[in-house]
Amino acid sequence: MKKPYSPFRKIAFYEGISFLVLLFIAMPLKYFWEMPKAVTVVGSLHGILFVALGILALEVKRTYKLPFAWLVKAGLASLLPFGTFYMDREWKQEETRFCQ
């Protein structure tokens, strides 16, 4: 069985990028240049990545028997701009420790 930590970190990276694109590109396009389609497209993609991140976070928590606090931190990181990028350093260290 493939270990879920690497896919989790990859999805977290893409979810973080999609969140920033949504906030700093798609939202201004919608509200300043009347292009609501940008939010529809980017928002849908971000939603899919957000759900995938949640599912993978649950799988990582279960596989490595991590505490509930880890799941809360992962959830908060996904809600804050730049949060997943900030947490990636810690997640990389954990992945190295768990997957050796």
Protein backbone atom coordinates (compact mmCIF):
# COMPACT_ATOMS: atom_id res chain seq x y z
CA MET A 1 0.00 0.00 0.00
CA LYS A 2 1.26 3.45 -0.89
CA LYS A 3 1.98 5.74 2.04
CA PRO A 4 -0.41 8.73 2.09
CA TYR A 5 2.01 11.41 3.33
CA SER A 6 3.52 12.30 -0.05
CA PRO A 7 0.16 12.70 -1.82
CA PHE A 8 -1.07 14.72 1.17
CA ARG A 9 1.83 17.17 0.87
CA LYS A 10 1.36 17.48 -2.90
CA ILE A 11 -2.36 18.17 -2.59
CA ALA A 12 -1.67 20.64 0.25
CA PHE A 13 0.72 22.52 -2.05
CA TYR A 14 -1.80 22.69 -4.90
CA GLU A 15 -4.64 23.57 -2.53
CA GLY A 16 -2.53 26.43 -1.17
CA ILE A 17 -1.84 27.71 -4.68
CA SER A 18 -5.50 27.46 -5.67
CA PHE A 19 -6.50 29.38 -2.53
CA LEU A 20 -4.08 32.21 -3.33
CA VAL A 21 -5.22 32.33 -6.96
CA LEU A 22 -8.81 32.48 -5.77
CA LEU A 23 -8.11 35.28 -3.28
CA PHE A 24 -5.68 37.42 -5.24
CA ILE A 25 -6.61 36.85 -8.88
CA ALA A 26 -10.12 35.42 -9.28
CA MET A 27 -11.82 37.56 -6.62
CA PRO A 28 -10.40 40.85 -7.95
CA LEU A 29 -11.40 39.79 -11.47
CA LYS A 30 -14.94 39.23 -10.23
CA TYR A 31 -15.34 42.37 -8.15
CA PHE A 32 -13.24 44.92 -10.02
CA TRP A 33 -13.52 43.77 -13.64
CA GLU A 34 -16.92 42.04 -13.51
CA MET A 35 -15.61 38.61 -14.54
CA PRO A 36 -17.47 36.22 -12.20
CA LYS A 37 -16.51 33.17 -14.28
CA ALA A 38 -12.98 33.35 -12.81
CA VAL A 39 -14.34 32.66 -9.32
CA THR A 40 -16.59 29.91 -10.63
CA VAL A 41 -13.72 28.05 -12.29
CA VAL A 42 -11.00 28.63 -9.69
CA GLY A 43 -13.44 28.23 -6.81
CA SER A 44 -14.59 24.85 -8.11
CA LEU A 45 -11.02 23.65 -8.51
CA HIS A 46 -10.13 24.94 -5.06
CA GLY A 47 -13.17 23.18 -3.56
CA ILE A 48 -12.13 19.86 -5.07
CA LEU A 49 -8.59 20.27 -3.77
CA PHE A 50 -9.87 21.34 -0.33
CA VAL A 51 -12.00 18.20 -0.03
CA ALA A 52 -9.12 16.02 -1.28
CA LEU A 53 -6.84 17.62 1.31
CA GLY A 54 -9.33 16.83 4.06
CA ILE A 55 -9.65 13.22 2.98
CA LEU A 56 -5.89 12.76 2.74
CA ALA A 57 -5.37 14.48 6.11
CA LEU A 58 -7.74 11.97 7.69
CA GLU A 59 -5.87 9.14 5.98
CA VAL A 60 -2.47 10.44 7.17
CA LYS A 61 -3.81 10.81 10.73
CA ARG A 62 -5.18 7.25 10.66
CA THR A 63 -2.13 5.66 9.02
CA TYR A 64 0.46 7.25 11.32
CA LYS A 65 -1.79 7.32 14.43
CA LEU A 66 -1.35 11.05 14.82
CA PRO A 67 -3.19 13.00 17.53
CA PHE A 68 -6.39 14.91 16.82
CA ALA A 69 -4.42 18.15 17.30
CA TRP A 70 -2.46 17.32 14.14
CA LEU A 71 -5.71 17.16 12.19
CA VAL A 72 -6.81 20.50 13.65
CA LYS A 73 -3.51 22.11 12.61
CA ALA A 74 -3.85 20.70 9.09
CA GLY A 75 -7.39 22.06 8.91
CA LEU A 76 -6.35 25.50 10.09
CA ALA A 77 -3.47 25.54 7.63
CA SER A 78 -5.91 24.92 4.80
CA LEU A 79 -8.10 27.84 5.91
CA LEU A 80 -5.34 30.45 6.17
CA PRO A 81 -3.62 32.04 3.17
CA PHE A 82 -0.07 30.66 2.96
CA GLY A 83 -0.95 28.18 5.77
CA THR A 84 -0.14 25.03 3.83
CA PHE A 85 3.17 26.50 2.70
CA TYR A 86 4.05 27.40 6.28
CA MET A 87 3.17 23.92 7.54
CA ASP A 88 4.98 22.11 4.72
CA ARG A 89 8.33 22.35 6.51
CA GLU A 90 6.92 20.50 9.51
CA TRP A 91 5.09 18.02 7.28
CA LYS A 92 8.28 17.32 5.34
CA GLN A 93 10.12 16.52 8.57
CA GLU A 94 7.29 14.24 9.68
CA GLU A 95 7.21 12.50 6.31
CA THR A 96 10.96 11.88 6.52
CA ARG A 97 10.60 10.49 10.04
CA PHE A 98 7.61 8.26 9.24
CA CYS A 99 8.61 7.03 5.79
CA GLN A 100 12.18 5.89 6.31
